[in-house]
C-alpha atoms as a PDB file:
ATOM      1  CA  MET A   1     143.597 169.992 123.769  1.00  0.00           C
ATOM      2  CA  ASN A   2     147.113 168.861 122.921  1.00  0.00           C
ATOM      3  CA  SER A   3     148.857 165.726 121.790  1.00  0.00           C
ATOM      4  CA  GLY A   4     152.391 164.507 121.278  1.00  0.00           C
ATOM      5  CA  SER A   5     154.822 163.834 124.092  1.00  0.00           C
ATOM      6  CA  GLY A   6     153.233 165.811 126.901  1.00  0.00           C
ATOM      7  CA  PRO A   7     150.120 165.396 129.021  1.00  0.00           C
ATOM      8  CA  LEU A   8     146.643 166.062 127.698  1.00  0.00           C
ATOM      9  CA  ARG A   9     144.686 168.821 129.437  1.00  0.00           C
ATOM     10  CA  LEU A  10     140.908 168.987 129.168  1.00  0.00           C
ATOM     11  CA  GLY A  11     137.872 170.385 130.932  1.00  0.00           C
ATOM     12  CA  ALA A  12     137.446 173.391 133.166  1.00  0.00           C
ATOM     13  CA  LYS A  13     140.110 176.077 133.372  1.00  0.00           C
ATOM     14  CA  GLY A  14     141.015 178.789 135.856  1.00  0.00           C
ATOM     15  CA  PRO A  15     138.228 179.895 138.212  1.00  0.00           C
ATOM     16  CA  GLU A  16     135.731 177.574 136.480  1.00  0.00           C
ATOM     17  CA  ALA A  17     137.571 174.560 137.895  1.00  0.00           C
ATOM     18  CA  LYS A  18     136.353 173.260 141.254  1.00  0.00           C
ATOM     19  CA  ALA A  19     138.214 169.917 141.247  1.00  0.00           C
ATOM     20  CA  ILE A  20     141.082 168.176 139.447  1.00  0.00           C
ATOM     21  CA  CYS A  21     141.218 164.675 137.979  1.00  0.00           C
ATOM     22  CA  VAL A  22     144.577 163.182 137.003  1.00  0.00           C
ATOM     23  CA  PHE A  23     143.695 160.162 134.849  1.00  0.00           C
ATOM     24  CA  VAL A  24     146.358 157.579 133.892  1.00  0.00           C
ATOM     25  CA  HIS A  25     146.086 155.496 130.711  1.00  0.00           C
ATOM     26  CA  GLY A  26     146.774 151.794 130.389  1.00  0.00           C
ATOM     27  CA  ARG A  27     149.391 149.704 128.613  1.00  0.00           C
ATOM     28  CA  GLY A  28     149.838 150.678 124.957  1.00  0.00           C
ATOM     29  CA  GLN A  29     147.126 153.305 125.238  1.00  0.00           C
ATOM     30  CA  SER A  30     147.176 157.091 125.136  1.00  0.00           C
ATOM     31  CA  PRO A  31     145.539 160.005 126.920  1.00  0.00           C
ATOM     32  CA  GLU A  32     143.470 160.570 123.781  1.00  0.00           C
ATOM     33  CA  GLU A  33     142.009 157.059 124.071  1.00  0.00           C
ATOM     34  CA  MET A  34     141.086 157.715 127.692  1.00  0.00           C
ATOM     35  CA  GLN A  35     139.392 160.917 126.584  1.00  0.00           C
ATOM     36  CA  ALA A  36     137.389 159.105 123.912  1.00  0.00           C
ATOM     37  CA  HIS A  37     136.448 156.004 125.911  1.00  0.00           C
ATOM     38  CA  VAL A  38     136.085 157.397 129.437  1.00  0.00           C
ATOM     39  CA  LEU A  39     136.087 161.169 129.881  1.00  0.00           C
ATOM     40  CA  ALA A  40     133.785 161.897 126.942  1.00  0.00           C
ATOM     41  CA  ARG A  41     131.096 159.887 128.769  1.00  0.00           C
ATOM     42  CA  LEU A  42     131.256 162.066 131.897  1.00  0.00           C
ATOM     43  CA  ALA A  43     129.211 165.097 132.846  1.00  0.00           C
ATOM     44  CA  ALA A  44     131.811 166.992 134.857  1.00  0.00           C
ATOM     45  CA  PRO A  45     131.798 170.632 133.702  1.00  0.00           C
ATOM     46  CA  SER A  46     133.685 171.977 136.728  1.00  0.00           C
ATOM     47  CA  VAL A  47     136.559 169.472 136.636  1.00  0.00           C
ATOM     48  CA  ALA A  48     140.004 170.085 135.147  1.00  0.00           C
ATOM     49  CA  PHE A  49     141.417 166.873 133.658  1.00  0.00           C
ATOM     50  CA  ILE A  50     145.123 166.187 133.298  1.00  0.00           C
ATOM     51  CA  LEU A  51     146.147 162.969 131.558  1.00  0.00           C
ATOM     52  CA  PRO A  52     149.838 162.015 131.838  1.00  0.00           C
ATOM     53  CA  ARG A  53     151.486 160.226 128.930  1.00  0.00           C
ATOM     54  CA  ALA A  54     153.875 157.275 129.308  1.00  0.00           C
ATOM     55  CA  PRO A  55     157.068 158.204 127.401  1.00  0.00           C
ATOM     56  CA  SER A  56     157.207 154.814 125.656  1.00  0.00           C
ATOM     57  CA  GLY A  57     153.483 153.982 125.652  1.00  0.00           C
ATOM     58  CA  VAL A  58     153.756 151.663 128.666  1.00  0.00           C
ATOM     59  CA  TRP A  59     154.496 152.461 132.295  1.00  0.00           C
ATOM     60  CA  VAL A  60     156.076 149.092 133.083  1.00  0.00           C
ATOM     61  CA  GLU A  61     156.921 146.499 130.433  1.00  0.00           C
ATOM     62  CA  ALA A  62     156.080 143.481 132.600  1.00  0.00           C
ATOM     63  CA  ARG A  63     152.518 142.476 133.409  1.00  0.00           C
ATOM     64  CA  ALA A  64     151.178 143.689 136.727  1.00  0.00           C
ATOM     65  CA  ILE A  65     150.946 140.116 138.036  1.00  0.00           C
ATOM     66  CA  ASP A  66     154.558 139.216 137.176  1.00  0.00           C
ATOM     67  CA  PRO A  67     157.245 139.184 139.896  1.00  0.00           C
ATOM     68  CA  LEU A  68     159.086 142.458 140.358  1.00  0.00           C
ATOM     69  CA  THR A  69     162.472 142.058 138.694  1.00  0.00           C
ATOM     70  CA  PRO A  70     165.156 144.743 139.062  1.00  0.00           C
ATOM     71  CA  VAL A  71     164.174 146.063 135.621  1.00  0.00           C
ATOM     72  CA  ALA A  72     160.484 146.185 136.539  1.00  0.00           C
ATOM     73  CA  ARG A  73     161.274 147.933 139.826  1.00  0.00           C
ATOM     74  CA  ALA A  74     163.310 150.571 138.024  1.00  0.00           C
ATOM     75  CA  GLN A  75     160.544 151.123 135.483  1.00  0.00           C
ATOM     76  CA  LEU A  76     157.933 151.335 138.236  1.00  0.00           C
ATOM     77  CA  SER A  77     160.050 153.863 140.124  1.00  0.00           C
ATOM     78  CA  ALA A  78     160.384 156.001 136.992  1.00  0.00           C
ATOM     79  CA  ALA A  79     156.637 155.757 136.339  1.00  0.00           C
ATOM     80  CA  LEU A  80     155.840 156.823 139.905  1.00  0.00           C
ATOM     81  CA  ASP A  81     158.224 159.765 139.575  1.00  0.00           C
ATOM     82  CA  HIS A  82     156.438 160.746 136.353  1.00  0.00           C
ATOM     83  CA  LEU A  83     153.036 160.512 138.029  1.00  0.00           C
ATOM     84  CA  ALA A  84     154.177 162.377 141.139  1.00  0.00           C
ATOM     85  CA  ALA A  85     155.435 165.197 138.922  1.00  0.00           C
ATOM     86  CA  ALA A  86     152.082 165.309 137.116  1.00  0.00           C
ATOM     87  CA  VAL A  87     150.194 165.500 140.411  1.00  0.00           C
ATOM     88  CA  ALA A  88     152.519 168.219 141.715  1.00  0.00           C
ATOM     89  CA  ALA A  89     152.114 170.206 138.490  1.00  0.00           C
ATOM     90  CA  ALA A  90     148.328 169.940 138.712  1.00  0.00           C
ATOM     91  CA  ARG A  91     148.402 171.130 142.326  1.00  0.00           C
ATOM     92  CA  GLY A  92     150.650 174.004 141.304  1.00  0.00           C
ATOM     93  CA  GLU A  93     148.432 175.113 138.429  1.00  0.00           C
ATOM     94  CA  LEU A  94     145.208 174.843 140.449  1.00  0.00           C
ATOM     95  CA  PRO A  95     146.132 175.260 144.097  1.00  0.00           C
ATOM     96  CA  ARG A  96     143.754 174.373 146.920  1.00  0.00           C
ATOM     97  CA  LEU A  97     141.464 172.322 144.679  1.00  0.00           C
ATOM     98  CA  PRO A  98     140.636 168.701 145.616  1.00  0.00           C
ATOM     99  CA  LEU A  99     142.296 166.126 143.368  1.00  0.00           C
ATOM    100  CA  LEU A 100     141.071 162.690 142.341  1.00  0.00           C
ATOM    101  CA  LEU A 101     143.725 160.312 141.003  1.00  0.00           C
ATOM    102  CA  ALA A 102     142.330 157.702 138.616  1.00  0.00           C
ATOM    103  CA  GLY A 103     143.500 155.189 136.055  1.00  0.00           C
ATOM    104  CA  PHE A 104     142.462 152.281 133.880  1.00  0.00           C
ATOM    105  CA  SER A 105     144.179 148.888 133.581  1.00  0.00           C
ATOM    106  CA  GLN A 106     147.940 149.404 133.924  1.00  0.00           C
ATOM    107  CA  GLY A 107     147.112 153.008 134.818  1.00  0.00           C
ATOM    108  CA  ALA A 108     144.873 151.721 137.619  1.00  0.00           C
ATOM    109  CA  CYS A 109     147.715 149.549 138.887  1.00  0.00           C
ATOM    110  CA  LEU A 110     150.037 152.543 138.815  1.00  0.00           C
ATOM    111  CA  VAL A 111     147.702 154.760 140.840  1.00  0.00           C
ATOM    112  CA  ILE A 112     147.355 152.001 143.452  1.00  0.00           C
ATOM    113  CA  GLU A 113     151.148 151.810 143.697  1.00  0.00           C
ATOM    114  CA  TYR A 114     151.280 155.608 143.978  1.00  0.00           C
ATOM    115  CA  LEU A 115     148.950 155.450 146.961  1.00  0.00           C
ATOM    116  CA  CYS A 116     150.871 152.591 148.574  1.00  0.00           C
ATOM    117  CA  ALA A 117     154.231 154.324 148.054  1.00  0.00           C
ATOM    118  CA  GLY A 118     153.396 157.108 150.478  1.00  0.00           C
ATOM    119  CA  LEU A 119     153.631 159.866 147.883  1.00  0.00           C
ATOM    120  CA  PRO A 120     151.674 163.128 148.398  1.00  0.00           C
ATOM    121  CA  PRO A 121     148.129 161.759 148.467  1.00  0.00           C
ATOM    122  CA  PRO A 122     145.112 162.813 146.419  1.00  0.00           C
ATOM    123  CA  GLU A 123     141.772 163.496 148.076  1.00  0.00           C
ATOM    124  CA  ALA A 124     140.361 160.318 146.471  1.00  0.00           C
ATOM    125  CA  LEU A 125     141.385 157.508 144.138  1.00  0.00           C
ATOM    126  CA  ALA A 126     139.571 155.463 141.477  1.00  0.00           C
ATOM    127  CA  ALA A 127     141.283 152.378 140.031  1.00  0.00           C
ATOM    128  CA  PHE A 128     139.322 150.856 137.149  1.00  0.00           C
ATOM    129  CA  THR A 129     140.481 147.250 136.653  1.00  0.00           C
ATOM    130  CA  GLY A 130     143.521 147.448 138.898  1.00  0.00           C
ATOM    131  CA  CYS A 131     145.715 145.462 141.258  1.00  0.00           C
ATOM    132  CA  ARG A 132     149.104 145.697 142.966  1.00  0.00           C
ATOM    133  CA  ILE A 133     152.145 145.477 140.695  1.00  0.00           C
ATOM    134  CA  GLY A 134     154.187 142.404 141.566  1.00  0.00           C
ATOM    135  CA  ILE A 135     153.367 139.324 143.628  1.00  0.00           C
ATOM    136  CA  ALA A 136     152.789 138.729 147.334  1.00  0.00           C
ATOM    137  CA  ALA A 137     156.368 137.519 147.843  1.00  0.00           C
ATOM    138  CA  ASP A 138     157.781 140.832 146.600  1.00  0.00           C
ATOM    139  CA  ALA A 139     158.725 143.521 149.106  1.00  0.00           C
ATOM    140  CA  ARG A 140     156.183 146.275 148.431  1.00  0.00           C
ATOM    141  CA  ALA A 141     155.238 149.425 150.297  1.00  0.00           C
ATOM    142  CA  GLU A 142     151.814 149.708 151.954  1.00  0.00           C
ATOM    143  CA  GLN A 143     151.803 153.354 153.100  1.00  0.00           C
ATOM    144  CA  VAL A 144     148.126 153.961 152.316  1.00  0.00           C
ATOM    145  CA  PRO A 145     146.705 157.112 153.949  1.00  0.00           C
ATOM    146  CA  GLY A 146     143.991 156.222 156.437  1.00  0.00           C
ATOM    147  CA  ARG A 147     140.366 156.897 155.471  1.00  0.00           C
ATOM    148  CA  ILE A 148     141.161 157.990 151.911  1.00  0.00           C
ATOM    149  CA  PRO A 149     138.170 157.247 149.624  1.00  0.00           C
ATOM    150  CA  VAL A 150     139.141 154.531 147.128  1.00  0.00           C
ATOM    151  CA  TYR A 151     136.989 152.989 144.418  1.00  0.00           C
ATOM    152  CA  LEU A 152     138.470 149.742 143.030  1.00  0.00           C
ATOM    153  CA  THR A 153     136.951 147.674 140.230  1.00  0.00           C
ATOM    154  CA  GLY A 154     137.612 144.447 138.373  1.00  0.00           C
ATOM    155  CA  GLY A 155     135.942 141.874 136.164  1.00  0.00           C
ATOM    156  CA  ASP A 156     135.668 138.163 136.838  1.00  0.00           C
ATOM    157  CA  ALA A 157     136.738 137.297 133.293  1.00  0.00           C
ATOM    158  CA  ASP A 158     139.267 140.073 132.712  1.00  0.00           C
ATOM    159  CA  PRO A 159     142.276 138.778 130.729  1.00  0.00           C
ATOM    160  CA  TRP A 160     144.790 141.133 132.371  1.00  0.00           C
ATOM    161  CA  ILE A 161     143.816 141.377 136.048  1.00  0.00           C
ATOM    162  CA  PRO A 162     142.767 138.057 137.626  1.00  0.00           C
ATOM    163  CA  VAL A 163     140.219 138.066 140.431  1.00  0.00           C
ATOM    164  CA  ALA A 164     142.895 136.932 142.896  1.00  0.00           C
ATOM    165  CA  ALA A 165     145.042 139.970 142.106  1.00  0.00           C
ATOM    166  CA  PHE A 166     142.037 142.300 142.391  1.00  0.00           C
ATOM    167  CA  ALA A 167     141.162 140.713 145.742  1.00  0.00           C
ATOM    168  CA  GLU A 168     144.731 141.098 147.015  1.00  0.00           C
ATOM    169  CA  ALA A 169     144.663 144.819 146.186  1.00  0.00           C
ATOM    170  CA  ALA A 170     141.313 145.210 147.927  1.00  0.00           C
ATOM    171  CA  ALA A 171     142.649 143.404 151.001  1.00  0.00           C
ATOM    172  CA  THR A 172     145.739 145.615 151.150  1.00  0.00           C
ATOM    173  CA  LEU A 173     143.784 148.844 150.793  1.00  0.00           C
ATOM    174  CA  GLY A 174     141.182 147.767 153.320  1.00  0.00           C
ATOM    175  CA  ARG A 175     143.764 146.521 155.812  1.00  0.00           C
ATOM    176  CA  ARG A 176     145.638 149.813 155.629  1.00  0.00           C
ATOM    177  CA  GLY A 177     142.503 151.797 156.472  1.00  0.00           C
ATOM    178  CA  ALA A 178     141.257 153.148 153.147  1.00  0.00           C
ATOM    179  CA  ASN A 179     137.567 153.995 152.890  1.00  0.00           C
ATOM    180  CA  LEU A 180     137.160 151.335 150.221  1.00  0.00           C
ATOM    181  CA  ARG A 181     134.412 150.350 147.833  1.00  0.00           C
ATOM    182  CA  ALA A 182     135.407 147.402 145.631  1.00  0.00           C
ATOM    183  CA  ASP A 183     133.125 146.262 142.795  1.00  0.00           C
ATOM    184  CA  LEU A 184     133.750 143.052 140.831  1.00  0.00           C
ATOM    185  CA  PHE A 185     131.647 142.974 137.658  1.00  0.00           C
ATOM    186  CA  PRO A 186     130.584 139.589 136.239  1.00  0.00           C
ATOM    187  CA  GLY A 187     131.255 139.059 132.543  1.00  0.00           C
ATOM    188  CA  ARG A 188     132.570 142.568 131.967  1.00  0.00           C
ATOM    189  CA  SER A 189     135.121 142.945 129.174  1.00  0.00           C
ATOM    190  CA  HIS A 190     138.359 144.898 129.575  1.00  0.00           C
ATOM    191  CA  GLU A 191     136.768 148.321 129.636  1.00  0.00           C
ATOM    192  CA  VAL A 192     135.288 151.006 131.875  1.00  0.00           C
ATOM    193  CA  SER A 193     131.596 150.146 132.094  1.00  0.00           C
ATOM    194  CA  ASP A 194     128.650 152.493 132.526  1.00  0.00           C
ATOM    195  CA  PRO A 195     128.319 151.883 136.293  1.00  0.00           C
ATOM    196  CA  GLU A 196     131.996 152.739 136.725  1.00  0.00           C
ATOM    197  CA  ILE A 197     131.520 155.934 134.720  1.00  0.00           C
ATOM    198  CA  ALA A 198     128.567 156.834 136.949  1.00  0.00           C
ATOM    199  CA  MET A 199     130.649 156.293 140.073  1.00  0.00           C
ATOM    200  CA  LEU A 200     133.495 158.436 138.766  1.00  0.00           C
ATOM    201  CA  GLU A 201     131.009 161.173 137.917  1.00  0.00           C
ATOM    202  CA  THR A 202     129.522 161.179 141.422  1.00  0.00           C
ATOM    203  CA  MET A 203     132.962 161.146 143.057  1.00  0.00           C
ATOM    204  CA  LEU A 204     134.047 164.163 141.011  1.00  0.00           C
ATOM    205  CA  ALA A 205     130.765 165.957 141.734  1.00  0.00           C
ATOM    206  CA  ASP A 206     131.238 165.448 145.470  1.00  0.00           C
ATOM    207  CA  LEU A 207     134.801 166.778 145.336  1.00  0.00           C
ATOM    208  CA  ALA A 208     133.702 169.786 143.271  1.00  0.00           C
ATOM    209  CA  ARG A 209     131.142 170.547 145.994  1.00  0.00           C
ATOM    210  CA  GLY A 210     133.832 170.448 148.662  1.00  0.00           C
ATOM    211  CA  ARG A 211     132.945 167.148 150.283  1.00  0.00           C
ATOM    212  CA  ALA A 212     134.505 163.698 150.449  1.00  0.00           C
ATOM    213  CA  PRO A 213     133.189 161.232 147.840  1.00  0.00           C
ATOM    214  CA  ARG A 214     130.431 159.068 149.278  1.00  0.00           C
ATOM    215  CA  MET A 215     130.737 156.400 146.559  1.00  0.00           C
ATOM    216  CA  GLU A 216     127.018 155.686 146.695  1.00  0.00           C
ATOM    217  CA  ALA A 217     126.279 155.369 142.962  1.00  0.00           C
ATOM    218  CA  ALA A 218     124.361 152.207 142.062  1.00  0.00           C
ATOM    219  CA  ARG A 219     126.332 149.282 140.768  1.00  0.00           C
END
């Protein structure tokens, strides 16, 4: 385990690792908080976890549902470069292993944008409380790889990601051919709930066994 300015690395190492999970924290959070609130609740002994760290604690200063200003676009571009480097480093350290890209809140929004940007794709994606960054009137890429397994979640009372923004992300991913499961949880606070943890665990288990995630965990 490490802290400071670099990523946090946890879980299986070397030949023990059968899959990789790159997990992206939310606004004002840290990899250590994601470890405590999400990863510590998983049973995933054969997964290597890599948690990138936003240099300033946030990936983009604006809210996800704000219009994309030139400043926000520049910050988003830098954040995507940071995430792409983290994914490439993970692939380099553990070649030929399947990789799941996941995130919570602003981290979930960032992983959705990563997928839409046409960057080197993961084998699966999980976006816990996520949406597109920007508004429908903004020019945004939609280069989603066809048939990629995507698990998208939201809450109907979430203070950061409105249902309309969640629905827009689901529509984009579905329209572009992702193998999508989208769960909207009634009354859920801004957190990763137990059913979401269970889904992440089953997705990682499937990848570790060499098969595409079936996303069949109960809601």
